[in-house]
Amino acid sequence: MDDYKIIITVSGTDKVGIVASVSGILAKYKVNIEDIKQTLMQGHFVMFMLCDIKEAELNFKELKNVLIEEGNRLEVEVWVQKKGIFEKMHTVQ
């Protein structure tokens, strides 16, 4: 069910620990990572994660805030969206 699916996007200058930090937060709050893609383009790191928050210990808004705070600490941009909204934003009609 897509009600519990979220998309996390992380973007910024590549550095050690980005994946570990974000995935560590997700594990801490019992968020399941269902798919992950990452790439590095000329030193610019981009990662997309599809996650399930059905069993999460935080609600969507709380988790989003924690991840954004971690992005600020890591000096990267973090976006967290519900999967349904993400898909509607990226659908060409």
Protein backbone atom coordinates (compact mmCIF):
# COMPACT_ATOMS: atom_id res chain seq x y z
CA MET A 1 0.00 0.00 0.00
CA ASP A 2 1.49 3.34 -1.09
CA ASP A 3 0.18 5.20 1.99
CA TYR A 4 3.29 4.09 3.85
CA LYS A 5 5.82 4.61 1.05
CA ILE A 6 8.13 7.60 1.03
CA ILE A 7 10.86 8.85 -1.29
CA ILE A 8 14.00 10.35 0.25
CA THR A 9 16.35 12.34 -1.98
CA VAL A 10 19.80 13.42 -0.80
CA SER A 11 22.02 15.71 -2.86
CA GLY A 12 25.29 17.51 -2.21
CA THR A 13 29.05 17.39 -2.28
CA ASP A 14 30.28 13.84 -1.85
CA LYS A 15 31.83 12.94 1.50
CA VAL A 16 32.32 9.89 3.66
CA GLY A 17 29.35 8.80 5.75
CA ILE A 18 26.29 10.16 3.92
CA VAL A 19 24.72 6.77 3.19
CA ALA A 20 25.66 5.41 6.63
CA SER A 21 24.21 8.41 8.43
CA VAL A 22 20.87 8.47 6.58
CA SER A 23 20.41 4.70 6.68
CA GLY A 24 21.38 4.67 10.36
CA ILE A 25 18.57 7.11 11.17
CA LEU A 26 16.11 5.01 9.18
CA ALA A 27 17.17 1.85 11.03
CA LYS A 28 16.95 3.62 14.40
CA TYR A 29 13.31 4.53 13.78
CA LYS A 30 12.39 1.21 12.14
CA VAL A 31 11.98 2.51 8.59
CA ASN A 32 12.48 -0.18 5.93
CA ILE A 33 14.62 0.73 2.92
CA GLU A 34 13.04 -1.04 -0.06
CA ASP A 35 15.23 0.37 -2.81
CA ILE A 36 18.25 2.64 -2.98
CA LYS A 37 20.04 4.24 -5.91
CA GLN A 38 23.01 6.52 -5.73
CA THR A 39 25.37 8.14 -8.16
CA LEU A 40 28.33 10.45 -8.16
CA MET A 41 28.70 13.02 -10.93
CA GLN A 42 31.89 15.10 -10.86
CA GLY A 43 31.97 15.10 -7.06
CA HIS A 44 28.22 15.70 -6.67
CA PHE A 45 26.47 12.95 -4.70
CA VAL A 46 22.82 12.06 -5.39
CA MET A 47 20.85 9.32 -3.64
CA PHE A 48 17.23 8.19 -3.94
CA MET A 49 15.63 5.88 -1.40
CA LEU A 50 12.22 4.22 -1.49
CA CYS A 51 11.20 3.44 2.09
CA ASP A 52 8.27 1.95 3.97
CA ILE A 53 7.23 3.77 7.16
CA LYS A 54 4.41 1.40 8.13
CA GLU A 55 6.29 0.17 11.23
CA ALA A 56 8.17 3.44 11.87
CA GLU A 57 8.45 4.82 15.38
CA LEU A 58 8.01 8.40 14.08
CA ASN A 59 5.23 9.82 11.96
CA PHE A 60 5.98 11.21 8.49
CA LYS A 61 6.47 14.81 9.62
CA GLU A 62 8.73 13.88 12.55
CA LEU A 63 10.88 11.62 10.38
CA LYS A 64 11.11 14.29 7.69
CA ASN A 65 12.34 16.82 10.26
CA VAL A 66 14.95 14.43 11.67
CA LEU A 67 16.28 13.68 8.18
CA ILE A 68 16.40 17.36 7.20
CA GLU A 69 18.30 18.15 10.41
CA GLU A 70 20.78 15.40 9.59
CA GLY A 71 21.14 16.79 6.07
CA ASN A 72 21.98 20.18 7.55
CA ARG A 73 24.60 18.57 9.78
CA LEU A 74 26.10 16.76 6.77
CA GLU A 75 25.80 19.90 4.62
CA VAL A 76 23.63 18.16 2.01
CA GLU A 77 20.07 18.78 0.83
CA VAL A 78 17.44 16.26 1.93
CA TRP A 79 13.91 16.03 0.55
CA VAL A 80 11.31 13.65 1.96
CA GLN A 81 8.03 13.12 0.12
CA LYS A 82 5.17 10.68 0.23
CA LYS A 83 5.45 8.38 -2.78
CA GLY A 84 2.00 9.25 -4.14
CA ILE A 85 2.75 12.98 -4.17
CA PHE A 86 6.22 12.36 -5.66
CA GLU A 87 4.67 10.36 -8.51
CA LYS A 88 2.01 13.02 -9.21
CA MET A 89 4.67 15.72 -9.33
CA HIS A 90 6.68 13.72 -11.86
CA THR A 91 3.85 12.63 -14.14
CA VAL A 92 3.57 14.44 -17.46
CA GLN A 93 0.02 14.75 -18.69
